[in-house]
Amino acid sequence: MAVYCVSYDLNRAGQNYNALYEEIKASSGWCHPLDSTWLISSSETADQLSDRLRKHLDNNDDLLVIKVTRGYAGWLPKNIWEWIDKHV
């Protein structure tokens, strides 16, 4: 399984994006380290994951899906790093 970093800008104020969040949580595994960034463990390709999530976004929203590999760094809580180390 691969881990993908999913980041988005939800550009329409007042929209209900609960369906997007539920779709993300329906993935094999997930971690939510930052407000508009998720890490998703999936057997899908980046294109397949993007297509699945895109159905829950407005046309003016932005979405980025990138495969995560070793060689990462940052400042996050310990439990987030533990999730990353376990899944990547």
N, C-alpha and C. Protein backbone atom coordinates (compact mmCIF):
# COMPACT_ATOMS: atom_id res chain seq x y z
N MET A 1 0.83 -1.18 0.00
CA MET A 1 0.00 0.00 0.00
C MET A 1 0.87 1.24 0.00
N ALA A 2 0.39 2.26 -0.66
CA ALA A 2 1.10 3.54 -0.72
C ALA A 2 0.44 4.52 0.24
N VAL A 3 1.22 5.53 0.62
CA VAL A 3 0.68 6.64 1.40
C VAL A 3 0.73 7.87 0.52
N TYR A 4 -0.38 8.58 0.47
CA TYR A 4 -0.49 9.81 -0.32
C TYR A 4 -0.74 10.99 0.60
N CYS A 5 -0.09 12.09 0.29
CA CYS A 5 -0.37 13.36 0.95
C CYS A 5 -1.46 14.04 0.12
N VAL A 6 -2.58 14.32 0.77
CA VAL A 6 -3.71 14.97 0.11
C VAL A 6 -3.87 16.35 0.74
N SER A 7 -3.79 17.37 -0.08
CA SER A 7 -3.94 18.74 0.39
C SER A 7 -4.93 19.44 -0.51
N TYR A 8 -5.70 20.35 0.07
CA TYR A 8 -6.74 21.02 -0.70
C TYR A 8 -6.97 22.44 -0.21
N ASP A 9 -7.52 23.25 -1.10
CA ASP A 9 -8.07 24.56 -0.77
C ASP A 9 -9.55 24.49 -1.10
N LEU A 10 -10.38 24.67 -0.10
CA LEU A 10 -11.83 24.68 -0.29
C LEU A 10 -12.24 26.14 -0.39
N ASN A 11 -12.52 26.57 -1.61
CA ASN A 11 -12.63 27.99 -1.90
C ASN A 11 -14.02 28.59 -1.81
N ARG A 12 -15.02 27.82 -1.55
CA ARG A 12 -16.36 28.38 -1.46
C ARG A 12 -16.79 28.41 -0.01
N ALA A 13 -16.91 29.61 0.53
CA ALA A 13 -17.30 29.77 1.94
C ALA A 13 -18.72 29.23 2.16
N GLY A 14 -18.92 28.63 3.31
CA GLY A 14 -20.24 28.17 3.68
C GLY A 14 -20.64 26.82 3.12
N GLN A 15 -19.78 26.19 2.34
CA GLN A 15 -20.10 24.88 1.78
C GLN A 15 -19.94 23.80 2.85
N ASN A 16 -20.68 22.73 2.71
CA ASN A 16 -20.60 21.60 3.61
C ASN A 16 -19.71 20.53 2.96
N TYR A 17 -18.55 20.33 3.52
CA TYR A 17 -17.60 19.37 2.95
C TYR A 17 -17.56 18.07 3.75
N ASN A 18 -18.59 17.80 4.53
CA ASN A 18 -18.62 16.56 5.32
C ASN A 18 -18.49 15.32 4.45
N ALA A 19 -19.06 15.33 3.26
CA ALA A 19 -18.95 14.17 2.36
C ALA A 19 -17.50 13.93 1.96
N LEU A 20 -16.73 14.99 1.76
CA LEU A 20 -15.30 14.85 1.45
C LEU A 20 -14.58 14.20 2.63
N TYR A 21 -14.82 14.69 3.83
CA TYR A 21 -14.15 14.15 5.00
C TYR A 21 -14.52 12.69 5.22
N GLU A 22 -15.77 12.35 5.01
CA GLU A 22 -16.21 10.95 5.16
C GLU A 22 -15.58 10.06 4.09
N GLU A 23 -15.44 10.58 2.87
CA GLU A 23 -14.79 9.81 1.80
C GLU A 23 -13.33 9.56 2.15
N ILE A 24 -12.66 10.55 2.69
CA ILE A 24 -11.26 10.38 3.11
C ILE A 24 -11.18 9.31 4.19
N LYS A 25 -12.07 9.38 5.17
CA LYS A 25 -12.06 8.44 6.29
C LYS A 25 -12.46 7.03 5.88
N ALA A 26 -13.04 6.88 4.70
CA ALA A 26 -13.39 5.55 4.18
C ALA A 26 -12.17 4.84 3.58
N SER A 27 -11.05 5.53 3.51
CA SER A 27 -9.81 4.94 2.99
C SER A 27 -9.29 3.88 3.95
N SER A 28 -8.36 3.06 3.46
CA SER A 28 -7.79 1.98 4.27
C SER A 28 -7.20 2.49 5.57
N GLY A 29 -6.52 3.61 5.50
CA GLY A 29 -5.92 4.24 6.67
C GLY A 29 -5.76 5.72 6.40
N TRP A 30 -5.81 6.52 7.44
CA TRP A 30 -5.66 7.96 7.25
C TRP A 30 -5.13 8.62 8.52
N CYS A 31 -4.54 9.78 8.32
CA CYS A 31 -4.01 10.60 9.39
C CYS A 31 -4.26 12.05 8.98
N HIS A 32 -4.65 12.89 9.91
CA HIS A 32 -5.00 14.28 9.60
C HIS A 32 -4.04 15.22 10.34
N PRO A 33 -2.82 15.42 9.80
CA PRO A 33 -1.81 16.18 10.53
C PRO A 33 -1.98 17.69 10.52
N LEU A 34 -2.62 18.24 9.49
CA LEU A 34 -2.78 19.69 9.35
C LEU A 34 -4.19 19.99 8.86
N ASP A 35 -4.64 21.23 9.03
CA ASP A 35 -6.02 21.60 8.72
C ASP A 35 -6.53 21.11 7.37
N SER A 36 -5.79 21.35 6.31
CA SER A 36 -6.26 20.94 4.99
C SER A 36 -5.30 19.94 4.34
N THR A 37 -4.68 19.12 5.18
CA THR A 37 -3.77 18.09 4.71
C THR A 37 -4.07 16.78 5.42
N TRP A 38 -4.18 15.73 4.64
CA TRP A 38 -4.39 14.38 5.16
C TRP A 38 -3.32 13.47 4.58
N LEU A 39 -2.97 12.44 5.30
CA LEU A 39 -2.15 11.35 4.78
C LEU A 39 -3.06 10.15 4.67
N ILE A 40 -3.10 9.54 3.49
CA ILE A 40 -4.02 8.45 3.23
C ILE A 40 -3.25 7.22 2.78
N SER A 41 -3.47 6.12 3.46
CA SER A 41 -2.89 4.83 3.07
C SER A 41 -3.91 4.13 2.18
N SER A 42 -3.47 3.75 0.98
CA SER A 42 -4.42 3.21 0.01
C SER A 42 -3.71 2.32 -1.01
N SER A 43 -4.46 1.37 -1.55
CA SER A 43 -3.95 0.57 -2.66
C SER A 43 -4.26 1.23 -4.00
N GLU A 44 -4.94 2.36 -3.98
CA GLU A 44 -5.27 3.10 -5.20
C GLU A 44 -4.03 3.80 -5.75
N THR A 45 -4.10 4.20 -7.01
CA THR A 45 -3.10 5.08 -7.58
C THR A 45 -3.45 6.51 -7.18
N ALA A 46 -2.53 7.43 -7.39
CA ALA A 46 -2.81 8.83 -7.10
C ALA A 46 -3.99 9.33 -7.93
N ASP A 47 -4.07 8.91 -9.19
CA ASP A 47 -5.18 9.31 -10.06
C ASP A 47 -6.51 8.78 -9.54
N GLN A 48 -6.53 7.53 -9.12
CA GLN A 48 -7.77 6.94 -8.61
C GLN A 48 -8.23 7.63 -7.33
N LEU A 49 -7.31 7.90 -6.43
CA LEU A 49 -7.66 8.59 -5.19
C LEU A 49 -8.15 10.00 -5.49
N SER A 50 -7.45 10.69 -6.37
CA SER A 50 -7.87 12.05 -6.75
C SER A 50 -9.28 12.04 -7.34
N ASP A 51 -9.56 11.12 -8.23
CA ASP A 51 -10.89 11.02 -8.84
C ASP A 51 -11.96 10.74 -7.79
N ARG A 52 -11.65 9.89 -6.84
CA ARG A 52 -12.63 9.54 -5.79
C ARG A 52 -12.95 10.75 -4.92
N LEU A 53 -11.92 11.52 -4.57
CA LEU A 53 -12.13 12.68 -3.71
C LEU A 53 -12.73 13.86 -4.46
N ARG A 54 -12.36 14.00 -5.72
CA ARG A 54 -12.81 15.14 -6.53
C ARG A 54 -14.33 15.20 -6.63
N LYS A 55 -15.00 14.08 -6.54
CA LYS A 55 -16.45 14.03 -6.62
C LYS A 55 -17.11 14.83 -5.50
N HIS A 56 -16.37 15.12 -4.45
CA HIS A 56 -16.92 15.80 -3.28
C HIS A 56 -16.44 17.25 -3.16
N LEU A 57 -15.84 17.77 -4.23
CA LEU A 57 -15.34 19.14 -4.23
C LEU A 57 -16.12 19.98 -5.24
N ASP A 58 -16.08 21.27 -5.03
CA ASP A 58 -16.65 22.20 -6.00
C ASP A 58 -15.66 22.44 -7.13
N ASN A 59 -16.13 22.95 -8.25
CA ASN A 59 -15.25 23.19 -9.41
C ASN A 59 -14.17 24.22 -9.13
N ASN A 60 -14.40 25.11 -8.18
CA ASN A 60 -13.39 26.14 -7.90
C ASN A 60 -12.43 25.74 -6.77
N ASP A 61 -12.57 24.53 -6.22
CA ASP A 61 -11.65 24.04 -5.19
C ASP A 61 -10.38 23.50 -5.84
N ASP A 62 -9.33 23.39 -5.04
CA ASP A 62 -8.05 22.86 -5.51
C ASP A 62 -7.72 21.59 -4.73
N LEU A 63 -7.07 20.65 -5.40
CA LEU A 63 -6.73 19.36 -4.79
C LEU A 63 -5.35 18.92 -5.28
N LEU A 64 -4.52 18.43 -4.35
CA LEU A 64 -3.20 17.92 -4.68
C LEU A 64 -3.03 16.56 -4.01
N VAL A 65 -2.64 15.55 -4.78
CA VAL A 65 -2.40 14.20 -4.27
C VAL A 65 -0.99 13.79 -4.70
N ILE A 66 -0.14 13.53 -3.71
CA ILE A 66 1.26 13.18 -3.99
C ILE A 66 1.65 11.97 -3.16
N LYS A 67 2.32 11.01 -3.78
CA LYS A 67 2.80 9.82 -3.06
C LYS A 67 3.92 10.22 -2.10
N VAL A 68 3.84 9.71 -0.87
CA VAL A 68 4.83 10.00 0.16
C VAL A 68 5.89 8.90 0.17
N THR A 69 7.13 9.29 0.20
CA THR A 69 8.25 8.35 0.29
C THR A 69 9.12 8.75 1.48
N ARG A 70 10.07 7.91 1.80
CA ARG A 70 11.01 8.25 2.88
C ARG A 70 11.77 9.50 2.49
N GLY A 71 12.27 10.17 3.51
CA GLY A 71 12.99 11.42 3.27
C GLY A 71 12.08 12.60 3.56
N TYR A 72 11.34 12.53 4.64
CA TYR A 72 10.42 13.60 5.02
C TYR A 72 10.91 14.25 6.31
N ALA A 73 10.44 15.45 6.56
CA ALA A 73 10.82 16.19 7.77
C ALA A 73 9.72 17.18 8.09
N GLY A 74 9.71 17.66 9.29
CA GLY A 74 8.73 18.67 9.68
C GLY A 74 8.59 18.74 11.17
N TRP A 75 7.60 19.48 11.62
CA TRP A 75 7.33 19.67 13.03
C TRP A 75 5.88 19.30 13.29
N LEU A 76 5.66 18.09 13.78
CA LEU A 76 4.32 17.56 14.02
C LEU A 76 4.30 16.83 15.36
N PRO A 77 3.12 16.60 15.92
CA PRO A 77 3.04 15.83 17.17
C PRO A 77 3.59 14.41 17.00
N LYS A 78 4.04 13.84 18.10
CA LYS A 78 4.66 12.51 18.10
C LYS A 78 3.75 11.45 17.49
N ASN A 79 2.45 11.47 17.81
CA ASN A 79 1.55 10.45 17.29
C ASN A 79 1.42 10.50 15.77
N ILE A 80 1.56 11.68 15.19
CA ILE A 80 1.54 11.81 13.72
C ILE A 80 2.79 11.16 13.13
N TRP A 81 3.96 11.44 13.72
CA TRP A 81 5.19 10.82 13.23
C TRP A 81 5.15 9.32 13.36
N GLU A 82 4.56 8.83 14.45
CA GLU A 82 4.43 7.38 14.62
C GLU A 82 3.58 6.77 13.50
N TRP A 83 2.49 7.44 13.13
CA TRP A 83 1.63 6.96 12.05
C TRP A 83 2.43 6.94 10.75
N ILE A 84 3.15 8.02 10.48
CA ILE A 84 3.93 8.11 9.25
C ILE A 84 4.99 7.01 9.20
N ASP A 85 5.73 6.86 10.28
CA ASP A 85 6.78 5.83 10.32
C ASP A 85 6.21 4.43 10.14
N LYS A 86 5.02 4.18 10.65
CA LYS A 86 4.39 2.86 10.53
C LYS A 86 3.91 2.58 9.11
N HIS A 87 3.43 3.59 8.40
CA HIS A 87 2.77 3.37 7.11
C HIS A 87 3.62 3.68 5.88
N VAL A 88 4.66 4.48 6.03
CA VAL A 88 5.47 4.83 4.84
C VAL A 88 6.64 3.87 4.72
